[in-house]
């Protein structure tokens, strides 16, 4: 079995990679807050790498906001990715979204 098989996402699934700055954070006072620090429920940003045929509001390259507790991790070609459903997204950040649009459907 080849490790270079093409991947096609199904239904409303998204393959995303965590933003590189999703780890440690810096407070407004300059204090470094480690990624492991417990701060209650904190959402994460990721970049969309692939989408399924039924995804309606997201395109490859968009940044999406999601709850990191509602995710599945997968390794593809030696890289770590997350697998999400479109309905689990909280927001979409993209150049094409006009002011006032949420980027999500209900």
PDB file of N, CA and C in Angstrom:
ATOM      1  N   UNK A   1       0.847  -1.188   0.000  1.00  0.00           N
ATOM      2  CA  UNK A   1       0.000   0.000   0.000  1.00  0.00           C
ATOM      3  C   UNK A   1       0.885   1.242   0.000  1.00  0.00           C
ATOM      4  N   UNK A   2       0.661   2.142  -0.905  1.00  0.00           N
ATOM      5  CA  UNK A   2       1.470   3.345  -1.045  1.00  0.00           C
ATOM      6  C   UNK A   2       1.067   4.398  -0.019  1.00  0.00           C
ATOM      7  N   UNK A   3       2.036   5.137   0.509  1.00  0.00           N
ATOM      8  CA  UNK A   3       1.742   6.218   1.447  1.00  0.00           C
ATOM      9  C   UNK A   3       1.369   7.503   0.710  1.00  0.00           C
ATOM     10  N   UNK A   4       1.369   7.484  -0.607  1.00  0.00           N
ATOM     11  CA  UNK A   4       1.055   8.672  -1.400  1.00  0.00           C
ATOM     12  C   UNK A   4      -0.340   8.605  -2.025  1.00  0.00           C
ATOM     13  N   UNK A   5      -1.253   7.819  -1.444  1.00  0.00           N
ATOM     14  CA  UNK A   5      -2.605   7.725  -1.970  1.00  0.00           C
ATOM     15  C   UNK A   5      -3.322   9.062  -1.828  1.00  0.00           C
ATOM     16  N   UNK A   6      -4.092   9.476  -2.846  1.00  0.00           N
ATOM     17  CA  UNK A   6      -4.864  10.708  -2.721  1.00  0.00           C
ATOM     18  C   UNK A   6      -5.992  10.520  -1.697  1.00  0.00           C
ATOM     19  N   UNK A   7      -6.379  11.591  -1.065  1.00  0.00           N
ATOM     20  CA  UNK A   7      -7.422  11.538  -0.039  1.00  0.00           C
ATOM     21  C   UNK A   7      -8.574  12.428  -0.478  1.00  0.00           C
ATOM     22  N   UNK A   8      -9.780  11.891  -0.352  1.00  0.00           N
ATOM     23  CA  UNK A   8     -10.986  12.663  -0.647  1.00  0.00           C
ATOM     24  C   UNK A   8     -11.855  12.614   0.597  1.00  0.00           C
ATOM     25  N   UNK A   9     -12.192  13.772   1.138  1.00  0.00           N
ATOM     26  CA  UNK A   9     -13.039  13.833   2.324  1.00  0.00           C
ATOM     27  C   UNK A   9     -14.478  13.558   1.909  1.00  0.00           C
ATOM     28  N   UNK A  10     -15.241  12.930   2.795  1.00  0.00           N
ATOM     29  CA  UNK A  10     -16.622  12.561   2.515  1.00  0.00           C
ATOM     30  C   UNK A  10     -17.602  13.465   3.264  1.00  0.00           C
ATOM     31  N   UNK A  11     -18.804  13.593   2.725  1.00  0.00           N
ATOM     32  CA  UNK A  11     -19.926  14.300   3.347  1.00  0.00           C
ATOM     33  C   UNK A  11     -19.527  15.705   3.803  1.00  0.00           C
ATOM     34  N   UNK A  12     -19.773  16.019   5.077  1.00  0.00           N
ATOM     35  CA  UNK A  12     -19.485  17.366   5.594  1.00  0.00           C
ATOM     36  C   UNK A  12     -18.207  17.383   6.426  1.00  0.00           C
ATOM     37  N   UNK A  13     -17.268  16.507   6.110  1.00  0.00           N
ATOM     38  CA  UNK A  13     -16.029  16.409   6.884  1.00  0.00           C
ATOM     39  C   UNK A  13     -14.975  17.386   6.386  1.00  0.00           C
ATOM     40  N   UNK A  14     -14.141  17.834   7.331  1.00  0.00           N
ATOM     41  CA  UNK A  14     -13.028  18.737   7.033  1.00  0.00           C
ATOM     42  C   UNK A  14     -11.747  18.139   7.597  1.00  0.00           C
ATOM     43  N   UNK A  15     -10.674  18.261   6.861  1.00  0.00           N
ATOM     44  CA  UNK A  15      -9.352  17.904   7.336  1.00  0.00           C
ATOM     45  C   UNK A  15      -8.633  19.216   7.594  1.00  0.00           C
ATOM     46  N   UNK A  16      -8.213  19.440   8.836  1.00  0.00           N
ATOM     47  CA  UNK A  16      -7.606  20.725   9.196  1.00  0.00           C
ATOM     48  C   UNK A  16      -6.271  20.499   9.894  1.00  0.00           C
ATOM     49  N   UNK A  17      -5.414  21.521   9.810  1.00  0.00           N
ATOM     50  CA  UNK A  17      -4.148  21.504  10.547  1.00  0.00           C
ATOM     51  C   UNK A  17      -4.189  22.645  11.553  1.00  0.00           C
ATOM     52  N   UNK A  18      -3.752  22.355  12.771  1.00  0.00           N
ATOM     53  CA  UNK A  18      -3.738  23.382  13.816  1.00  0.00           C
ATOM     54  C   UNK A  18      -2.804  24.511  13.440  1.00  0.00           C
ATOM     55  N   UNK A  19      -3.184  25.735  13.780  1.00  0.00           N
ATOM     56  CA  UNK A  19      -2.303  26.873  13.564  1.00  0.00           C
ATOM     57  C   UNK A  19      -1.031  26.680  14.370  1.00  0.00           C
ATOM     58  N   UNK A  20       0.076  27.116  13.822  1.00  0.00           N
ATOM     59  CA  UNK A  20       1.370  26.969  14.507  1.00  0.00           C
ATOM     60  C   UNK A  20       1.400  27.730  15.819  1.00  0.00           C
ATOM     61  N   UNK A  21       0.633  28.834  15.913  1.00  0.00           N
ATOM     62  CA  UNK A  21       0.626  29.640  17.139  1.00  0.00           C
ATOM     63  C   UNK A  21      -0.431  29.158  18.130  1.00  0.00           C
ATOM     64  N   UNK A  22      -0.960  27.952  17.938  1.00  0.00           N
ATOM     65  CA  UNK A  22      -1.995  27.426  18.822  1.00  0.00           C
ATOM     66  C   UNK A  22      -1.424  26.934  20.147  1.00  0.00           C
ATOM     67  N   UNK A  23      -0.125  26.937  20.296  1.00  0.00           N
ATOM     68  CA  UNK A  23       0.501  26.457  21.524  1.00  0.00           C
ATOM     69  C   UNK A  23       0.512  27.530  22.605  1.00  0.00           C
ATOM     70  N   UNK A  24       1.692  27.928  23.008  1.00  0.00           N
ATOM     71  CA  UNK A  24       1.832  28.919  24.067  1.00  0.00           C
ATOM     72  C   UNK A  24       1.251  30.259  23.637  1.00  0.00           C
ATOM     73  N   UNK A  25       0.702  30.964  24.628  1.00  0.00           N
ATOM     74  CA  UNK A  25       0.131  32.296  24.381  1.00  0.00           C
ATOM     75  C   UNK A  25       0.866  33.299  25.243  1.00  0.00           C
ATOM     76  N   UNK A  26       0.752  34.560  24.892  1.00  0.00           N
ATOM     77  CA  UNK A  26       1.378  35.625  25.664  1.00  0.00           C
ATOM     78  C   UNK A  26       0.285  36.575  26.140  1.00  0.00           C
ATOM     79  N   UNK A  27       0.279  36.881  27.433  1.00  0.00           N
ATOM     80  CA  UNK A  27      -0.707  37.801  27.982  1.00  0.00           C
ATOM     81  C   UNK A  27      -0.381  39.223  27.542  1.00  0.00           C
ATOM     82  N   UNK A  28      -1.314  40.154  27.768  1.00  0.00           N
ATOM     83  CA  UNK A  28      -1.072  41.549  27.391  1.00  0.00           C
ATOM     84  C   UNK A  28       0.088  42.146  28.172  1.00  0.00           C
ATOM     85  N   UNK A  29       0.392  41.573  29.348  1.00  0.00           N
ATOM     86  CA  UNK A  29       1.517  42.030  30.152  1.00  0.00           C
ATOM     87  C   UNK A  29       2.839  41.384  29.767  1.00  0.00           C
ATOM     88  N   UNK A  30       2.806  40.462  28.772  1.00  0.00           N
ATOM     89  CA  UNK A  30       4.027  39.832  28.300  1.00  0.00           C
ATOM     90  C   UNK A  30       4.354  38.493  28.937  1.00  0.00           C
ATOM     91  N   UNK A  31       3.463  37.982  29.795  1.00  0.00           N
ATOM     92  CA  UNK A  31       3.704  36.706  30.451  1.00  0.00           C
ATOM     93  C   UNK A  31       3.342  35.572  29.494  1.00  0.00           C
ATOM     94  N   UNK A  32       4.240  34.586  29.354  1.00  0.00           N
ATOM     95  CA  UNK A  32       3.983  33.430  28.494  1.00  0.00           C
ATOM     96  C   UNK A  32       3.096  32.451  29.238  1.00  0.00           C
ATOM     97  N   UNK A  33       1.960  32.082  28.608  1.00  0.00           N
ATOM     98  CA  UNK A  33       1.023  31.125  29.186  1.00  0.00           C
ATOM     99  C   UNK A  33       1.172  29.827  28.401  1.00  0.00           C
ATOM    100  N   UNK A  34       1.636  28.751  29.026  1.00  0.00           N
ATOM    101  CA  UNK A  34       1.835  27.491  28.289  1.00  0.00           C
ATOM    102  C   UNK A  34       0.513  26.917  27.787  1.00  0.00           C
ATOM    103  N   UNK A  35       0.580  26.165  26.699  1.00  0.00           N
ATOM    104  CA  UNK A  35      -0.614  25.565  26.104  1.00  0.00           C
ATOM    105  C   UNK A  35      -1.290  24.596  27.060  1.00  0.00           C
ATOM    106  N   UNK A  36      -0.539  24.061  28.017  1.00  0.00           N
ATOM    107  CA  UNK A  36      -1.094  23.085  28.958  1.00  0.00           C
ATOM    108  C   UNK A  36      -1.807  23.736  30.133  1.00  0.00           C
ATOM    109  N   UNK A  37      -1.759  25.066  30.255  1.00  0.00           N
ATOM    110  CA  UNK A  37      -2.402  25.763  31.369  1.00  0.00           C
ATOM    111  C   UNK A  37      -3.917  25.639  31.255  1.00  0.00           C
ATOM    112  N   UNK A  38      -4.571  25.289  32.364  1.00  0.00           N
ATOM    113  CA  UNK A  38      -6.029  25.162  32.380  1.00  0.00           C
ATOM    114  C   UNK A  38      -6.652  26.543  32.488  1.00  0.00           C
ATOM    115  N   UNK A  39      -7.470  26.898  31.509  1.00  0.00           N
ATOM    116  CA  UNK A  39      -8.107  28.217  31.501  1.00  0.00           C
ATOM    117  C   UNK A  39      -9.589  28.107  31.200  1.00  0.00           C
ATOM    118  N   UNK A  40     -10.207  27.008  31.504  1.00  0.00           N
ATOM    119  CA  UNK A  40     -11.600  26.837  31.127  1.00  0.00           C
ATOM    120  C   UNK A  40     -11.679  26.436  29.666  1.00  0.00           C
ATOM    121  N   UNK A  41     -12.840  26.601  29.095  1.00  0.00           N
ATOM    122  CA  UNK A  41     -13.039  26.179  27.704  1.00  0.00           C
ATOM    123  C   UNK A  41     -12.485  27.234  26.752  1.00  0.00           C
ATOM    124  N   UNK A  42     -11.500  26.849  25.967  1.00  0.00           N
ATOM    125  CA  UNK A  42     -10.867  27.758  25.005  1.00  0.00           C
ATOM    126  C   UNK A  42     -10.947  27.129  23.621  1.00  0.00           C
ATOM    127  N   UNK A  43     -11.440  27.895  22.650  1.00  0.00           N
ATOM    128  CA  UNK A  43     -11.554  27.421  21.271  1.00  0.00           C
ATOM    129  C   UNK A  43     -10.216  27.571  20.556  1.00  0.00           C
ATOM    130  N   UNK A  44     -10.033  26.820  19.476  1.00  0.00           N
ATOM    131  CA  UNK A  44      -8.783  26.831  18.720  1.00  0.00           C
ATOM    132  C   UNK A  44      -9.038  27.182  17.262  1.00  0.00           C
ATOM    133  N   UNK A  45      -8.010  27.728  16.608  1.00  0.00           N
ATOM    134  CA  UNK A  45      -8.051  28.031  15.182  1.00  0.00           C
ATOM    135  C   UNK A  45      -7.261  26.972  14.425  1.00  0.00           C
ATOM    136  N   UNK A  46      -7.735  26.644  13.229  1.00  0.00           N
ATOM    137  CA  UNK A  46      -7.038  25.693  12.365  1.00  0.00           C
ATOM    138  C   UNK A  46      -7.213  26.127  10.915  1.00  0.00           C
ATOM    139  N   UNK A  47      -6.341  25.614  10.043  1.00  0.00           N
ATOM    140  CA  UNK A  47      -6.407  25.907   8.603  1.00  0.00           C
ATOM    141  C   UNK A  47      -7.008  24.698   7.904  1.00  0.00           C
ATOM    142  N   UNK A  48      -7.974  24.943   7.016  1.00  0.00           N
ATOM    143  CA  UNK A  48      -8.648  23.869   6.287  1.00  0.00           C
ATOM    144  C   UNK A  48      -7.733  23.378   5.172  1.00  0.00           C
ATOM    145  N   UNK A  49      -7.465  22.069   5.164  1.00  0.00           N
ATOM    146  CA  UNK A  49      -6.595  21.452   4.165  1.00  0.00           C
ATOM    147  C   UNK A  49      -7.389  20.701   3.097  1.00  0.00           C
ATOM    148  N   UNK A  50      -8.556  20.138   3.471  1.00  0.00           N
ATOM    149  CA  UNK A  50      -9.397  19.395   2.524  1.00  0.00           C
ATOM    150  C   UNK A  50     -10.834  19.421   3.032  1.00  0.00           C
ATOM    151  N   UNK A  51     -11.803  19.354   2.098  1.00  0.00           N
ATOM    152  CA  UNK A  51     -13.220  19.390   2.474  1.00  0.00           C
ATOM    153  C   UNK A  51     -13.984  18.298   1.728  1.00  0.00           C
ATOM    154  N   UNK A  52     -15.096  17.873   2.326  1.00  0.00           N
ATOM    155  CA  UNK A  52     -15.981  16.908   1.699  1.00  0.00           C
ATOM    156  C   UNK A  52     -16.930  17.588   0.723  1.00  0.00           C
ATOM    157  N   UNK A  53     -17.642  16.783  -0.060  1.00  0.00           N
ATOM    158  CA  UNK A  53     -18.527  17.292  -1.114  1.00  0.00           C
ATOM    159  C   UNK A  53     -19.720  18.072  -0.574  1.00  0.00           C
ATOM    160  N   UNK A  54     -20.143  17.835   0.660  1.00  0.00           N
ATOM    161  CA  UNK A  54     -21.325  18.501   1.204  1.00  0.00           C
ATOM    162  C   UNK A  54     -20.992  19.679   2.112  1.00  0.00           C
ATOM    163  N   UNK A  55     -19.763  20.095   2.151  1.00  0.00           N
ATOM    164  CA  UNK A  55     -19.371  21.272   2.927  1.00  0.00           C
ATOM    165  C   UNK A  55     -19.831  22.507   2.162  1.00  0.00           C
ATOM    166  N   UNK A  56     -20.570  23.403   2.848  1.00  0.00           N
ATOM    167  CA  UNK A  56     -21.181  24.527   2.145  1.00  0.00           C
ATOM    168  C   UNK A  56     -20.545  25.883   2.419  1.00  0.00           C
ATOM    169  N   UNK A  57     -20.019  26.103   3.609  1.00  0.00           N
ATOM    170  CA  UNK A  57     -19.591  27.450   3.981  1.00  0.00           C
ATOM    171  C   UNK A  57     -18.086  27.599   4.149  1.00  0.00           C
ATOM    172  N   UNK A  58     -17.337  26.565   3.853  1.00  0.00           N
ATOM    173  CA  UNK A  58     -15.898  26.577   4.095  1.00  0.00           C
ATOM    174  C   UNK A  58     -15.171  26.146   2.831  1.00  0.00           C
ATOM    175  N   UNK A  59     -14.016  26.757   2.585  1.00  0.00           N
ATOM    176  CA  UNK A  59     -13.179  26.382   1.447  1.00  0.00           C
ATOM    177  C   UNK A  59     -11.774  26.057   1.941  1.00  0.00           C
ATOM    178  N   UNK A  60     -11.035  25.312   1.140  1.00  0.00           N
ATOM    179  CA  UNK A  60      -9.647  24.997   1.474  1.00  0.00           C
ATOM    180  C   UNK A  60      -8.877  26.306   1.632  1.00  0.00           C
ATOM    181  N   UNK A  61      -8.107  26.407   2.689  1.00  0.00           N
ATOM    182  CA  UNK A  61      -7.331  27.606   2.966  1.00  0.00           C
ATOM    183  C   UNK A  61      -7.968  28.514   4.007  1.00  0.00           C
ATOM    184  N   UNK A  62      -9.255  28.352   4.286  1.00  0.00           N
ATOM    185  CA  UNK A  62      -9.927  29.154   5.311  1.00  0.00           C
ATOM    186  C   UNK A  62      -9.388  28.795   6.685  1.00  0.00           C
ATOM    187  N   UNK A  63      -9.534  29.719   7.618  1.00  0.00           N
ATOM    188  CA  UNK A  63      -9.249  29.436   9.030  1.00  0.00           C
ATOM    189  C   UNK A  63     -10.581  29.218   9.721  1.00  0.00           C
ATOM    190  N   UNK A  64     -10.656  28.200  10.557  1.00  0.00           N
ATOM    191  CA  UNK A  64     -11.907  27.880  11.243  1.00  0.00           C
ATOM    192  C   UNK A  64     -11.682  27.805  12.748  1.00  0.00           C
ATOM    193  N   UNK A  65     -12.717  28.180  13.488  1.00  0.00           N
ATOM    194  CA  UNK A  65     -12.681  28.169  14.942  1.00  0.00           C
ATOM    195  C   UNK A  65     -13.510  26.978  15.423  1.00  0.00           C
ATOM    196  N   UNK A  66     -12.941  26.168  16.313  1.00  0.00           N
ATOM    197  CA  UNK A  66     -13.630  24.959  16.770  1.00  0.00           C
ATOM    198  C   UNK A  66     -13.252  24.650  18.208  1.00  0.00           C
ATOM    199  N   UNK A  67     -14.020  23.770  18.837  1.00  0.00           N
ATOM    200  CA  UNK A  67     -13.748  23.314  20.196  1.00  0.00           C
ATOM    201  C   UNK A  67     -12.748  22.152  20.116  1.00  0.00           C
ATOM    202  N   UNK A  68     -11.562  22.292  20.675  1.00  0.00           N
ATOM    203  CA  UNK A  68     -10.553  21.231  20.558  1.00  0.00           C
ATOM    204  C   UNK A  68     -10.942  19.931  21.257  1.00  0.00           C
ATOM    205  N   UNK A  69     -11.960  19.947  22.104  1.00  0.00           N
ATOM    206  CA  UNK A  69     -12.399  18.716  22.761  1.00  0.00           C
ATOM    207  C   UNK A  69     -13.266  17.864  21.832  1.00  0.00           C
ATOM    208  N   UNK A  70     -13.799  18.462  20.756  1.00  0.00           N
ATOM    209  CA  UNK A  70     -14.662  17.753  19.809  1.00  0.00           C
ATOM    210  C   UNK A  70     -13.899  17.501  18.517  1.00  0.00           C
ATOM    211  N   UNK A  71     -12.881  16.662  18.580  1.00  0.00           N
ATOM    212  CA  UNK A  71     -12.047  16.434  17.405  1.00  0.00           C
ATOM    213  C   UNK A  71     -11.527  15.008  17.377  1.00  0.00           C
ATOM    214  N   UNK A  72     -11.114  14.596  16.207  1.00  0.00           N
ATOM    215  CA  UNK A  72     -10.449  13.311  16.020  1.00  0.00           C
ATOM    216  C   UNK A  72      -9.124  13.605  15.334  1.00  0.00           C
ATOM    217  N   UNK A  73      -8.031  13.026  15.822  1.00  0.00           N
ATOM    218  CA  UNK A  73      -6.715  13.243  15.246  1.00  0.00           C
ATOM    219  C   UNK A  73      -6.384  12.120  14.281  1.00  0.00           C
ATOM    220  N   UNK A  74      -5.648  12.474  13.214  1.00  0.00           N
ATOM    221  CA  UNK A  74      -5.250  11.490  12.219  1.00  0.00           C
ATOM    222  C   UNK A  74      -3.884  11.882  11.668  1.00  0.00           C
ATOM    223  N   UNK A  75      -3.089  10.881  11.315  1.00  0.00           N
ATOM    224  CA  UNK A  75      -1.798  11.134  10.680  1.00  0.00           C
ATOM    225  C   UNK A  75      -1.917  10.777   9.207  1.00  0.00           C
ATOM    226  N   UNK A  76      -1.544  11.714   8.348  1.00  0.00           N
ATOM    227  CA  UNK A  76      -1.592  11.514   6.900  1.00  0.00           C
ATOM    228  C   UNK A  76      -0.239  11.876   6.335  1.00  0.00           C
ATOM    229  N   UNK A  77       0.419  10.904   5.711  1.00  0.00           N
ATOM    230  CA  UNK A  77       1.737  11.116   5.098  1.00  0.00           C
ATOM    231  C   UNK A  77       2.743  11.727   6.075  1.00  0.00           C
ATOM    232  N   UNK A  78       2.691  11.271   7.318  1.00  0.00           N
ATOM    233  CA  UNK A  78       3.640  11.732   8.327  1.00  0.00           C
ATOM    234  C   UNK A  78       3.286  13.055   8.981  1.00  0.00           C
ATOM    235  N   UNK A  79       2.174  13.674   8.609  1.00  0.00           N
ATOM    236  CA  UNK A  79       1.739  14.950   9.196  1.00  0.00           C
ATOM    237  C   UNK A  79       0.504  14.714  10.054  1.00  0.00           C
ATOM    238  N   UNK A  80       0.370  15.446  11.151  1.00  0.00           N
ATOM    239  CA  UNK A  80      -0.800  15.327  12.028  1.00  0.00           C
ATOM    240  C   UNK A  80      -1.875  16.315  11.611  1.00  0.00           C
ATOM    241  N   UNK A  81      -3.100  15.829  11.520  1.00  0.00           N
ATOM    242  CA  UNK A  81      -4.264  16.639  11.156  1.00  0.00           C
ATOM    243  C   UNK A  81      -5.406  16.329  12.104  1.00  0.00           C
ATOM    244  N   UNK A  82      -6.437  17.173  12.040  1.00  0.00           N
ATOM    245  CA  UNK A  82      -7.657  16.947  12.796  1.00  0.00           C
ATOM    246  C   UNK A  82      -8.792  16.725  11.818  1.00  0.00           C
ATOM    247  N   UNK A  83      -9.741  15.898  12.204  1.00  0.00           N
ATOM    248  CA  UNK A  83     -10.907  15.613  11.394  1.00  0.00           C
ATOM    249  C   UNK A  83     -12.107  16.204  12.113  1.00  0.00           C
ATOM    250  N   UNK A  84     -12.836  17.109  11.429  1.00  0.00           N
ATOM    251  CA  UNK A  84     -13.986  17.788  12.018  1.00  0.00           C
ATOM    252  C   UNK A  84     -15.194  17.673  11.104  1.00  0.00           C
ATOM    253  N   UNK A  85     -16.376  17.883  11.660  1.00  0.00           N
ATOM    254  CA  UNK A  85     -17.599  18.028  10.874  1.00  0.00           C
ATOM    255  C   UNK A  85     -17.886  19.518  10.740  1.00  0.00           C
ATOM    256  N   UNK A  86     -18.444  19.933   9.626  1.00  0.00           N
ATOM    257  CA  UNK A  86     -18.723  21.351   9.420  1.00  0.00           C
ATOM    258  C   UNK A  86     -19.654  21.902  10.501  1.00  0.00           C
ATOM    259  N   UNK A  87     -20.591  21.111  10.967  1.00  0.00           N
ATOM    260  CA  UNK A  87     -21.548  21.580  11.972  1.00  0.00           C
ATOM    261  C   UNK A  87     -20.883  21.860  13.324  1.00  0.00           C
ATOM    262  N   UNK A  88     -19.658  21.357  13.538  1.00  0.00           N
ATOM    263  CA  UNK A  88     -18.951  21.581  14.796  1.00  0.00           C
ATOM    264  C   UNK A  88     -18.131  22.869  14.798  1.00  0.00           C
ATOM    265  N   UNK A  89     -18.125  23.598  13.686  1.00  0.00           N
ATOM    266  CA  UNK A  89     -17.370  24.846  13.606  1.00  0.00           C
ATOM    267  C   UNK A  89     -18.153  25.979  14.252  1.00  0.00           C
ATOM    268  N   UNK A  90     -17.414  26.912  14.842  1.00  0.00           N
ATOM    269  CA  UNK A  90     -18.028  28.080  15.465  1.00  0.00           C
ATOM    270  C   UNK A  90     -17.896  29.326  14.605  1.00  0.00           C
ATOM    271  N   UNK A  91     -16.860  29.394  13.766  1.00  0.00           N
ATOM    272  CA  UNK A  91     -16.642  30.573  12.919  1.00  0.00           C
ATOM    273  C   UNK A  91     -15.696  30.224  11.782  1.00  0.00           C
ATOM    274  N   UNK A  92     -15.758  31.041  10.731  1.00  0.00           N
ATOM    275  CA  UNK A  92     -14.873  30.905   9.576  1.00  0.00           C
ATOM    276  C   UNK A  92     -14.230  32.259   9.325  1.00  0.00           C
ATOM    277  N   UNK A  93     -12.930  32.287   9.119  1.00  0.00           N
ATOM    278  CA  UNK A  93     -12.216  33.521   8.791  1.00  0.00           C
ATOM    279  C   UNK A  93     -11.636  33.367   7.393  1.00  0.00           C
ATOM    280  N   UNK A  94     -12.072  34.248   6.472  1.00  0.00           N
ATOM    281  CA  UNK A  94     -11.584  34.187   5.098  1.00  0.00           C
ATOM    282  C   UNK A  94     -11.733  35.553   4.452  1.00  0.00           C
ATOM    283  N   UNK A  95     -10.898  35.838   3.476  1.00  0.00           N
ATOM    284  CA  UNK A  95     -10.938  37.123   2.768  1.00  0.00           C
ATOM    285  C   UNK A  95     -12.273  37.349   2.066  1.00  0.00           C
ATOM    286  N   UNK A  96     -12.921  36.287   1.595  1.00  0.00           N
ATOM    287  CA  UNK A  96     -14.145  36.431   0.803  1.00  0.00           C
ATOM    288  C   UNK A  96     -15.380  36.757   1.643  1.00  0.00           C
ATOM    289  N   UNK A  97     -15.299  36.594   2.966  1.00  0.00           N
ATOM    290  CA  UNK A  97     -16.448  36.843   3.835  1.00  0.00           C
ATOM    291  C   UNK A  97     -16.597  38.337   4.048  1.00  0.00           C
ATOM    292  N   UNK A  98     -17.789  38.849   3.730  1.00  0.00           N
ATOM    293  CA  UNK A  98     -18.060  40.274   3.882  1.00  0.00           C
ATOM    294  C   UNK A  98     -18.401  40.580   5.328  1.00  0.00           C
ATOM    295  N   UNK A  99     -18.229  41.839   5.709  1.00  0.00           N
ATOM    296  CA  UNK A  99     -18.531  42.249   7.067  1.00  0.00           C
ATOM    297  C   UNK A  99     -20.008  42.012   7.364  1.00  0.00           C
ATOM    298  N   UNK A 100     -20.295  41.462   8.528  1.00  0.00           N
ATOM    299  CA  UNK A 100     -21.668  41.185   8.910  1.00  0.00           C
ATOM    300  C   UNK A 100     -22.088  39.752   8.651  1.00  0.00           C
ATOM    301  N   UNK A 101     -21.360  39.032   7.803  1.00  0.00           N
ATOM    302  CA  UNK A 101     -21.667  37.622   7.563  1.00  0.00           C
ATOM    303  C   UNK A 101     -21.033  36.787   8.659  1.00  0.00           C
ATOM    304  N   UNK A 102     -21.685  35.724   9.032  1.00  0.00           N
ATOM    305  CA  UNK A 102     -21.117  34.841  10.051  1.00  0.00           C
ATOM    306  C   UNK A 102     -20.231  33.787   9.432  1.00  0.00           C
ATOM    307  N   UNK A 103     -20.486  33.431   8.177  1.00  0.00           N
ATOM    308  CA  UNK A 103     -19.704  32.378   7.537  1.00  0.00           C
ATOM    309  C   UNK A 103     -20.253  30.990   7.838  1.00  0.00           C
ATOM    310  N   UNK A 104     -21.269  30.923   8.671  1.00  0.00           N
ATOM    311  CA  UNK A 104     -21.851  29.628   9.022  1.00  0.00           C
ATOM    312  C   UNK A 104     -23.320  29.599   8.650  1.00  0.00           C
ATOM    313  N   UNK A 105     -23.855  28.428   8.499  1.00  0.00           N
ATOM    314  CA  UNK A 105     -25.279  28.266   8.235  1.00  0.00           C
ATOM    315  C   UNK A 105     -25.923  27.579   9.432  1.00  0.00           C
ATOM    316  N   UNK A 106     -27.215  27.746   9.571  1.00  0.00           N
ATOM    317  CA  UNK A 106     -27.923  27.093  10.672  1.00  0.00           C
ATOM    318  C   UNK A 106     -28.837  26.028  10.139  1.00  0.00           C
TER     319      UNK A 106
END
